Amino acid sequence: MAAADRALVKRAAFRLQPVLELRRTQERAAAADAARAARNAADADRAAAEREHALATSALPARLSSGDFVAAMVLLRAAATDASDARALATASAEQAAAVRAEWTAAAQRTKALERLRERHLEAQRHAEAAAEERAADDLVTGRAGRTDPREVPWTG
């Protein structure tokens, strides 16, 4: 298509481009948040597993005085509470990671919807350009190009 013919088809800008860019930025931020939440959940699960393992492998010596026995039981009880709290934190972190992942998915869907609109817009522009090019070619073939006076009769030699 010649430059003059391209001038016939005005390329309209995608008016939602700033919104699309904003959505892409939001999606990237949501992806980073999801990665951070997943990493935190994995760390919390690892810490809970370590505490549970430490509690499971702890053993009382065969001989203890009554005072040492009570102190050991208090320590074991505290370790069990710590392990339980760590597991609760790991569960809450996993749930939080799932919620953040759902937000990321929603942001990606919003972005995808705008990208589909942009693709439709570009396709409509390509279609309009092709139609203008076809009209220009038809004008050349039928001899209408460059004729300014509608009363002028084309030469048929």
N, C-alpha and C. Protein backbone atom coordinates (compact mmCIF):
# COMPACT_ATOMS: atom_id res chain seq x y z
N MET A 1 0.86 -1.17 0.00
CA MET A 1 0.00 0.00 0.00
C MET A 1 0.91 1.23 0.00
N ALA A 2 0.63 2.15 -0.89
CA ALA A 2 1.44 3.37 -1.00
C ALA A 2 1.15 4.28 0.18
N ALA A 3 2.07 5.22 0.39
CA ALA A 3 1.92 6.15 1.52
C ALA A 3 0.66 6.97 1.39
N ALA A 4 0.33 7.37 0.17
CA ALA A 4 -0.89 8.16 -0.03
C ALA A 4 -2.13 7.33 0.29
N ASP A 5 -2.08 6.04 -0.06
CA ASP A 5 -3.21 5.18 0.22
C ASP A 5 -3.36 4.92 1.72
N ARG A 6 -2.22 4.85 2.40
CA ARG A 6 -2.29 4.63 3.85
C ARG A 6 -2.92 5.83 4.54
N ALA A 7 -2.73 6.98 3.96
CA ALA A 7 -3.31 8.19 4.55
C ALA A 7 -4.83 8.14 4.50
N LEU A 8 -5.36 7.35 3.57
CA LEU A 8 -6.82 7.22 3.48
C LEU A 8 -7.40 6.53 4.71
N VAL A 9 -6.63 5.59 5.26
CA VAL A 9 -7.09 4.86 6.43
C VAL A 9 -6.41 5.45 7.66
N LYS A 10 -7.16 6.10 8.45
CA LYS A 10 -6.60 6.70 9.67
C LYS A 10 -6.48 5.60 10.72
N ARG A 11 -5.30 5.44 11.24
CA ARG A 11 -5.06 4.43 12.27
C ARG A 11 -5.51 4.98 13.61
N ALA A 12 -6.59 4.46 14.08
CA ALA A 12 -7.11 4.88 15.38
C ALA A 12 -6.34 4.16 16.47
N ALA A 13 -5.90 4.89 17.44
CA ALA A 13 -5.18 4.29 18.57
C ALA A 13 -6.16 3.50 19.43
N PHE A 14 -5.62 2.46 20.04
CA PHE A 14 -6.43 1.67 20.97
C PHE A 14 -6.64 2.53 22.20
N ARG A 15 -7.87 2.96 22.41
CA ARG A 15 -8.15 3.93 23.48
C ARG A 15 -7.98 3.35 24.87
N LEU A 16 -8.01 2.04 24.98
CA LEU A 16 -7.85 1.41 26.29
C LEU A 16 -6.41 1.01 26.58
N GLN A 17 -5.47 1.47 25.75
CA GLN A 17 -4.06 1.10 25.93
C GLN A 17 -3.54 1.48 27.33
N PRO A 18 -3.83 2.68 27.85
CA PRO A 18 -3.37 2.98 29.22
C PRO A 18 -3.95 2.03 30.26
N VAL A 19 -5.20 1.64 30.06
CA VAL A 19 -5.82 0.69 31.00
C VAL A 19 -5.15 -0.67 30.88
N LEU A 20 -4.85 -1.09 29.65
CA LEU A 20 -4.17 -2.37 29.43
C LEU A 20 -2.80 -2.36 30.10
N GLU A 21 -2.07 -1.27 29.97
CA GLU A 21 -0.76 -1.17 30.61
C GLU A 21 -0.88 -1.23 32.13
N LEU A 22 -1.90 -0.56 32.66
CA LEU A 22 -2.15 -0.62 34.10
C LEU A 22 -2.46 -2.05 34.53
N ARG A 23 -3.31 -2.73 33.76
CA ARG A 23 -3.66 -4.12 34.09
C ARG A 23 -2.43 -5.03 34.04
N ARG A 24 -1.56 -4.81 33.07
CA ARG A 24 -0.34 -5.62 32.99
C ARG A 24 0.54 -5.38 34.21
N THR A 25 0.63 -4.12 34.62
CA THR A 25 1.42 -3.79 35.82
C THR A 25 0.80 -4.44 37.05
N GLN A 26 -0.51 -4.38 37.15
CA GLN A 26 -1.20 -5.02 38.28
C GLN A 26 -0.98 -6.53 38.27
N GLU A 27 -1.00 -7.12 37.08
CA GLU A 27 -0.79 -8.56 36.99
C GLU A 27 0.63 -8.93 37.42
N ARG A 28 1.61 -8.14 36.99
CA ARG A 28 3.00 -8.41 37.41
C ARG A 28 3.14 -8.28 38.93
N ALA A 29 2.51 -7.27 39.51
CA ALA A 29 2.57 -7.09 40.97
C ALA A 29 1.89 -8.26 41.68
N ALA A 30 0.76 -8.70 41.14
CA ALA A 30 0.05 -9.84 41.74
C ALA A 30 0.89 -11.11 41.63
N ALA A 31 1.59 -11.27 40.52
CA ALA A 31 2.45 -12.45 40.35
C ALA A 31 3.59 -12.43 41.37
N ALA A 32 4.16 -11.25 41.59
CA ALA A 32 5.24 -11.13 42.59
C ALA A 32 4.69 -11.43 43.98
N ASP A 33 3.49 -10.91 44.28
CA ASP A 33 2.87 -11.19 45.58
C ASP A 33 2.60 -12.68 45.76
N ALA A 34 2.15 -13.32 44.69
CA ALA A 34 1.87 -14.76 44.75
C ALA A 34 3.15 -15.55 44.99
N ALA A 35 4.21 -15.16 44.33
CA ALA A 35 5.50 -15.85 44.54
C ALA A 35 5.99 -15.66 45.96
N ARG A 36 5.84 -14.45 46.47
CA ARG A 36 6.27 -14.16 47.85
C ARG A 36 5.43 -14.96 48.85
N ALA A 37 4.12 -15.02 48.63
CA ALA A 37 3.23 -15.76 49.53
C ALA A 37 3.54 -17.26 49.48
N ALA A 38 3.83 -17.77 48.29
CA ALA A 38 4.17 -19.19 48.16
C ALA A 38 5.49 -19.49 48.88
N ARG A 39 6.45 -18.59 48.74
CA ARG A 39 7.74 -18.77 49.43
C ARG A 39 7.55 -18.73 50.95
N ASN A 40 6.72 -17.79 51.43
CA ASN A 40 6.44 -17.71 52.88
C ASN A 40 5.74 -18.96 53.37
N ALA A 41 4.80 -19.48 52.57
CA ALA A 41 4.09 -20.70 52.96
C ALA A 41 5.05 -21.88 53.03
N ALA A 42 5.95 -21.97 52.05
CA ALA A 42 6.93 -23.07 52.06
C ALA A 42 7.87 -22.95 53.26
N ASP A 43 8.29 -21.73 53.56
CA ASP A 43 9.16 -21.52 54.73
C ASP A 43 8.45 -21.91 56.03
N ALA A 44 7.18 -21.51 56.14
CA ALA A 44 6.41 -21.84 57.35
C ALA A 44 6.21 -23.35 57.46
N ASP A 45 5.96 -24.01 56.35
CA ASP A 45 5.78 -25.46 56.37
C ASP A 45 7.09 -26.16 56.76
N ARG A 46 8.20 -25.67 56.23
CA ARG A 46 9.50 -26.24 56.58
C ARG A 46 9.80 -26.06 58.07
N ALA A 47 9.51 -24.87 58.61
CA ALA A 47 9.74 -24.61 60.04
C ALA A 47 8.85 -25.51 60.90
N ALA A 48 7.60 -25.69 60.48
CA ALA A 48 6.69 -26.56 61.24
C ALA A 48 7.18 -28.00 61.20
N ALA A 49 7.64 -28.44 60.04
CA ALA A 49 8.14 -29.81 59.92
C ALA A 49 9.38 -30.02 60.80
N GLU A 50 10.25 -29.01 60.84
CA GLU A 50 11.45 -29.12 61.70
C GLU A 50 11.06 -29.21 63.17
N ARG A 51 10.10 -28.40 63.60
CA ARG A 51 9.67 -28.45 65.01
C ARG A 51 8.99 -29.78 65.32
N GLU A 52 8.19 -30.26 64.39
CA GLU A 52 7.53 -31.55 64.61
C GLU A 52 8.55 -32.68 64.68
N HIS A 53 9.56 -32.61 63.82
CA HIS A 53 10.60 -33.63 63.84
C HIS A 53 11.40 -33.57 65.14
N ALA A 54 11.74 -32.35 65.57
CA ALA A 54 12.47 -32.20 66.83
C ALA A 54 11.67 -32.74 68.00
N LEU A 55 10.36 -32.50 67.99
CA LEU A 55 9.51 -33.01 69.07
C LEU A 55 9.41 -34.53 69.02
N ALA A 56 9.29 -35.07 67.81
CA ALA A 56 9.15 -36.53 67.68
C ALA A 56 10.43 -37.27 68.04
N THR A 57 11.56 -36.65 67.83
CA THR A 57 12.82 -37.33 68.12
C THR A 57 13.35 -37.05 69.52
N SER A 58 12.67 -36.20 70.28
CA SER A 58 13.15 -35.93 71.64
C SER A 58 12.77 -37.10 72.55
N ALA A 59 13.68 -37.41 73.45
CA ALA A 59 13.45 -38.52 74.37
C ALA A 59 13.95 -38.14 75.76
N LEU A 60 13.28 -38.67 76.75
CA LEU A 60 13.69 -38.42 78.14
C LEU A 60 14.77 -39.41 78.53
N PRO A 61 15.72 -38.96 79.30
CA PRO A 61 16.73 -39.90 79.80
C PRO A 61 16.06 -40.98 80.67
N ALA A 62 16.72 -42.10 80.80
CA ALA A 62 16.15 -43.22 81.56
C ALA A 62 16.01 -42.87 83.04
N ARG A 63 16.90 -42.12 83.58
CA ARG A 63 16.84 -41.80 85.01
C ARG A 63 16.79 -40.29 85.20
N LEU A 64 15.74 -39.84 85.86
CA LEU A 64 15.57 -38.43 86.19
C LEU A 64 15.02 -38.30 87.60
N SER A 65 15.44 -37.26 88.24
CA SER A 65 14.82 -36.97 89.54
C SER A 65 13.43 -36.44 89.28
N SER A 66 12.61 -36.40 90.30
CA SER A 66 11.24 -35.94 90.11
C SER A 66 11.20 -34.48 89.63
N GLY A 67 12.05 -33.64 90.13
CA GLY A 67 12.10 -32.24 89.70
C GLY A 67 12.55 -32.11 88.24
N ASP A 68 13.55 -32.91 87.87
CA ASP A 68 14.02 -32.89 86.48
C ASP A 68 12.96 -33.44 85.54
N PHE A 69 12.22 -34.46 86.02
CA PHE A 69 11.15 -35.04 85.21
C PHE A 69 10.06 -34.01 84.93
N VAL A 70 9.65 -33.28 85.97
CA VAL A 70 8.62 -32.26 85.80
C VAL A 70 9.12 -31.16 84.85
N ALA A 71 10.38 -30.74 85.01
CA ALA A 71 10.95 -29.72 84.13
C ALA A 71 11.00 -30.22 82.68
N ALA A 72 11.37 -31.48 82.48
CA ALA A 72 11.43 -32.06 81.13
C ALA A 72 10.03 -32.12 80.51
N MET A 73 9.03 -32.47 81.32
CA MET A 73 7.66 -32.54 80.81
C MET A 73 7.15 -31.14 80.44
N VAL A 74 7.51 -30.15 81.23
CA VAL A 74 7.11 -28.77 80.92
C VAL A 74 7.76 -28.34 79.60
N LEU A 75 9.03 -28.68 79.42
CA LEU A 75 9.73 -28.34 78.18
C LEU A 75 9.11 -29.07 76.98
N LEU A 76 8.78 -30.34 77.16
CA LEU A 76 8.15 -31.09 76.07
C LEU A 76 6.78 -30.52 75.72
N ARG A 77 6.05 -30.11 76.75
CA ARG A 77 4.73 -29.51 76.53
C ARG A 77 4.88 -28.19 75.75
N ALA A 78 5.87 -27.39 76.12
CA ALA A 78 6.13 -26.13 75.42
C ALA A 78 6.55 -26.41 73.97
N ALA A 79 7.37 -27.43 73.77
CA ALA A 79 7.80 -27.79 72.41
C ALA A 79 6.60 -28.26 71.59
N ALA A 80 5.69 -29.01 72.20
CA ALA A 80 4.49 -29.47 71.50
C ALA A 80 3.60 -28.28 71.12
N THR A 81 3.48 -27.32 72.03
CA THR A 81 2.69 -26.12 71.74
C THR A 81 3.33 -25.33 70.61
N ASP A 82 4.67 -25.20 70.63
CA ASP A 82 5.38 -24.50 69.56
C ASP A 82 5.18 -25.20 68.22
N ALA A 83 5.25 -26.53 68.23
CA ALA A 83 5.06 -27.30 66.99
C ALA A 83 3.64 -27.13 66.47
N SER A 84 2.67 -27.14 67.37
CA SER A 84 1.28 -26.95 66.98
C SER A 84 1.05 -25.55 66.42
N ASP A 85 1.63 -24.55 67.07
CA ASP A 85 1.51 -23.18 66.58
C ASP A 85 2.18 -23.01 65.22
N ALA A 86 3.33 -23.65 65.05
CA ALA A 86 4.04 -23.58 63.77
C ALA A 86 3.22 -24.22 62.65
N ARG A 87 2.56 -25.33 62.97
CA ARG A 87 1.72 -26.00 61.98
C ARG A 87 0.50 -25.13 61.63
N ALA A 88 -0.08 -24.47 62.64
CA ALA A 88 -1.21 -23.57 62.39
C ALA A 88 -0.77 -22.40 61.52
N LEU A 89 0.42 -21.87 61.77
CA LEU A 89 0.96 -20.79 60.95
C LEU A 89 1.20 -21.26 59.52
N ALA A 90 1.71 -22.47 59.37
CA ALA A 90 1.95 -23.02 58.03
C ALA A 90 0.63 -23.19 57.27
N THR A 91 -0.40 -23.64 57.96
CA THR A 91 -1.71 -23.81 57.33
C THR A 91 -2.28 -22.45 56.91
N ALA A 92 -2.18 -21.48 57.81
CA ALA A 92 -2.68 -20.13 57.49
C ALA A 92 -1.88 -19.53 56.34
N SER A 93 -0.58 -19.76 56.30
CA SER A 93 0.25 -19.24 55.21
C SER A 93 -0.13 -19.89 53.88
N ALA A 94 -0.42 -21.18 53.91
CA ALA A 94 -0.84 -21.87 52.69
C ALA A 94 -2.18 -21.33 52.20
N GLU A 95 -3.11 -21.07 53.14
CA GLU A 95 -4.40 -20.49 52.75
C GLU A 95 -4.22 -19.09 52.18
N GLN A 96 -3.34 -18.32 52.80
CA GLN A 96 -3.05 -16.96 52.30
C GLN A 96 -2.44 -17.03 50.91
N ALA A 97 -1.54 -17.97 50.70
CA ALA A 97 -0.92 -18.12 49.38
C ALA A 97 -1.97 -18.48 48.34
N ALA A 98 -2.92 -19.32 48.70
CA ALA A 98 -3.99 -19.68 47.77
C ALA A 98 -4.85 -18.46 47.43
N ALA A 99 -5.14 -17.64 48.42
CA ALA A 99 -5.94 -16.42 48.18
C ALA A 99 -5.18 -15.44 47.29
N VAL A 100 -3.90 -15.28 47.52
CA VAL A 100 -3.09 -14.37 46.70
C VAL A 100 -2.97 -14.92 45.28
N ARG A 101 -2.85 -16.23 45.16
CA ARG A 101 -2.79 -16.86 43.83
C ARG A 101 -4.11 -16.62 43.08
N ALA A 102 -5.24 -16.67 43.81
CA ALA A 102 -6.54 -16.40 43.19
C ALA A 102 -6.63 -14.94 42.71
N GLU A 103 -6.06 -14.02 43.48
CA GLU A 103 -6.02 -12.62 43.06
C GLU A 103 -5.18 -12.46 41.80
N TRP A 104 -4.08 -13.18 41.73
CA TRP A 104 -3.22 -13.14 40.55
C TRP A 104 -3.98 -13.67 39.33
N THR A 105 -4.71 -14.76 39.52
CA THR A 105 -5.50 -15.32 38.43
C THR A 105 -6.54 -14.32 37.95
N ALA A 106 -7.20 -13.65 38.87
CA ALA A 106 -8.20 -12.64 38.49
C ALA A 106 -7.55 -11.49 37.73
N ALA A 107 -6.38 -11.06 38.18
CA ALA A 107 -5.67 -9.97 37.49
C ALA A 107 -5.27 -10.42 36.08
N ALA A 108 -4.85 -11.66 35.96
CA ALA A 108 -4.47 -12.18 34.64
C ALA A 108 -5.68 -12.24 33.71
N GLN A 109 -6.83 -12.61 34.25
CA GLN A 109 -8.05 -12.67 33.43
C GLN A 109 -8.47 -11.27 32.97
N ARG A 110 -8.34 -10.29 33.85
CA ARG A 110 -8.68 -8.91 33.46
C ARG A 110 -7.74 -8.44 32.35
N THR A 111 -6.46 -8.75 32.49
CA THR A 111 -5.49 -8.38 31.47
C THR A 111 -5.80 -9.07 30.16
N LYS A 112 -6.10 -10.35 30.23
CA LYS A 112 -6.38 -11.12 29.02
C LYS A 112 -7.60 -10.57 28.28
N ALA A 113 -8.61 -10.15 29.02
CA ALA A 113 -9.81 -9.59 28.39
C ALA A 113 -9.46 -8.33 27.61
N LEU A 114 -8.65 -7.46 28.19
CA LEU A 114 -8.24 -6.24 27.48
C LEU A 114 -7.33 -6.56 26.30
N GLU A 115 -6.49 -7.58 26.44
CA GLU A 115 -5.63 -7.96 25.32
C GLU A 115 -6.47 -8.49 24.16
N ARG A 116 -7.55 -9.21 24.46
CA ARG A 116 -8.44 -9.68 23.39
C ARG A 116 -9.12 -8.50 22.71
N LEU A 117 -9.53 -7.50 23.49
CA LEU A 117 -10.12 -6.30 22.89
C LEU A 117 -9.11 -5.59 21.99
N ARG A 118 -7.87 -5.52 22.44
CA ARG A 118 -6.83 -4.89 21.63
C ARG A 118 -6.61 -5.67 20.35
N GLU A 119 -6.59 -6.98 20.42
CA GLU A 119 -6.42 -7.79 19.21
C GLU A 119 -7.57 -7.58 18.24
N ARG A 120 -8.79 -7.49 18.75
CA ARG A 120 -9.94 -7.21 17.88
C ARG A 120 -9.78 -5.85 17.22
N HIS A 121 -9.30 -4.87 17.99
CA HIS A 121 -9.09 -3.53 17.45
C HIS A 121 -8.05 -3.58 16.32
N LEU A 122 -6.94 -4.27 16.55
CA LEU A 122 -5.90 -4.36 15.53
C LEU A 122 -6.41 -5.11 14.30
N GLU A 123 -7.19 -6.14 14.51
CA GLU A 123 -7.76 -6.88 13.38
C GLU A 123 -8.72 -6.00 12.58
N ALA A 124 -9.51 -5.19 13.25
CA ALA A 124 -10.41 -4.27 12.55
C ALA A 124 -9.60 -3.25 11.75
N GLN A 125 -8.49 -2.79 12.29
CA GLN A 125 -7.63 -1.87 11.55
C GLN A 125 -7.03 -2.54 10.32
N ARG A 126 -6.56 -3.77 10.48
CA ARG A 126 -6.01 -4.49 9.34
C ARG A 126 -7.07 -4.69 8.27
N HIS A 127 -8.27 -5.01 8.70
CA HIS A 127 -9.38 -5.20 7.77
C HIS A 127 -9.68 -3.89 7.03
N ALA A 128 -9.71 -2.77 7.75
CA ALA A 128 -9.98 -1.47 7.14
C ALA A 128 -8.87 -1.11 6.15
N GLU A 129 -7.62 -1.40 6.49
CA GLU A 129 -6.51 -1.11 5.58
C GLU A 129 -6.62 -1.96 4.32
N ALA A 130 -6.96 -3.22 4.49
CA ALA A 130 -7.10 -4.10 3.33
C ALA A 130 -8.24 -3.63 2.44
N ALA A 131 -9.34 -3.21 3.04
CA ALA A 131 -10.47 -2.72 2.27
C ALA A 131 -10.09 -1.43 1.52
N ALA A 132 -9.34 -0.54 2.17
CA ALA A 132 -8.91 0.69 1.51
C ALA A 132 -7.97 0.39 0.36
N GLU A 133 -7.08 -0.57 0.57
CA GLU A 133 -6.17 -0.96 -0.49
C GLU A 133 -6.93 -1.56 -1.66
N GLU A 134 -7.92 -2.37 -1.37
CA GLU A 134 -8.74 -2.97 -2.41
C GLU A 134 -9.52 -1.90 -3.18
N ARG A 135 -10.06 -0.92 -2.45
CA ARG A 135 -10.78 0.18 -3.11
C ARG A 135 -9.84 0.97 -4.02
N ALA A 136 -8.62 1.21 -3.52
CA ALA A 136 -7.64 1.95 -4.33
C ALA A 136 -7.30 1.17 -5.59
N ALA A 137 -7.12 -0.13 -5.46
CA ALA A 137 -6.83 -0.95 -6.64
C ALA A 137 -8.02 -0.95 -7.59
N ASP A 138 -9.23 -1.04 -7.07
CA ASP A 138 -10.44 -1.00 -7.90
C ASP A 138 -10.54 0.33 -8.63
N ASP A 139 -10.19 1.41 -7.95
CA ASP A 139 -10.23 2.72 -8.57
C ASP A 139 -9.25 2.80 -9.73
N LEU A 140 -8.07 2.22 -9.56
CA LEU A 140 -7.08 2.22 -10.64
C LEU A 140 -7.58 1.41 -11.83
N VAL A 141 -8.17 0.27 -11.53
CA VAL A 141 -8.64 -0.62 -12.59
C VAL A 141 -9.80 0.01 -13.35
N THR A 142 -10.70 0.61 -12.66
CA THR A 142 -11.87 1.18 -13.33
C THR A 142 -11.62 2.57 -13.86
N GLY A 143 -10.47 3.13 -13.64
CA GLY A 143 -10.12 4.43 -14.20
C GLY A 143 -10.65 5.62 -13.44
N ARG A 144 -11.10 5.41 -12.24
CA ARG A 144 -11.64 6.52 -11.47
C ARG A 144 -10.55 7.28 -10.74
N ALA A 145 -9.38 6.72 -10.63
CA ALA A 145 -8.31 7.36 -9.86
C ALA A 145 -7.84 8.62 -10.57
N GLY A 146 -7.73 9.67 -9.86
CA GLY A 146 -7.20 10.92 -10.37
C GLY A 146 -8.20 11.74 -11.17
N ARG A 147 -9.36 11.23 -11.42
CA ARG A 147 -10.37 11.98 -12.16
C ARG A 147 -11.07 12.92 -11.19
N THR A 148 -11.04 14.18 -11.51
CA THR A 148 -11.65 15.15 -10.61
C THR A 148 -13.00 15.60 -11.13
N ASP A 149 -13.19 15.58 -12.43
CA ASP A 149 -14.45 16.04 -13.01
C ASP A 149 -15.34 14.83 -13.28
N PRO A 150 -16.50 14.75 -12.60
CA PRO A 150 -17.34 13.58 -12.79
C PRO A 150 -17.93 13.50 -14.20
N ARG A 151 -17.91 14.60 -14.97
CA ARG A 151 -18.45 14.58 -16.34
C ARG A 151 -17.43 14.06 -17.33
N GLU A 152 -16.20 13.95 -16.91
CA GLU A 152 -15.13 13.51 -17.80
C GLU A 152 -15.34 12.05 -18.16
N VAL A 153 -15.25 11.76 -19.43
CA VAL A 153 -15.44 10.41 -19.94
C VAL A 153 -14.06 9.78 -20.13
N PRO A 154 -13.86 8.56 -19.59
CA PRO A 154 -12.54 7.94 -19.76
C PRO A 154 -12.27 7.59 -21.21
N TRP A 155 -11.03 7.62 -21.59
CA TRP A 155 -10.63 7.28 -22.95
C TRP A 155 -10.76 5.79 -23.12
N THR A 156 -11.39 5.33 -24.18
CA THR A 156 -11.60 3.89 -24.42
C THR A 156 -10.90 3.44 -25.68
N GLY A 157 -9.99 4.20 -26.21
CA GLY A 157 -9.12 3.96 -27.31
C GLY A 157 -9.48 3.09 -28.34
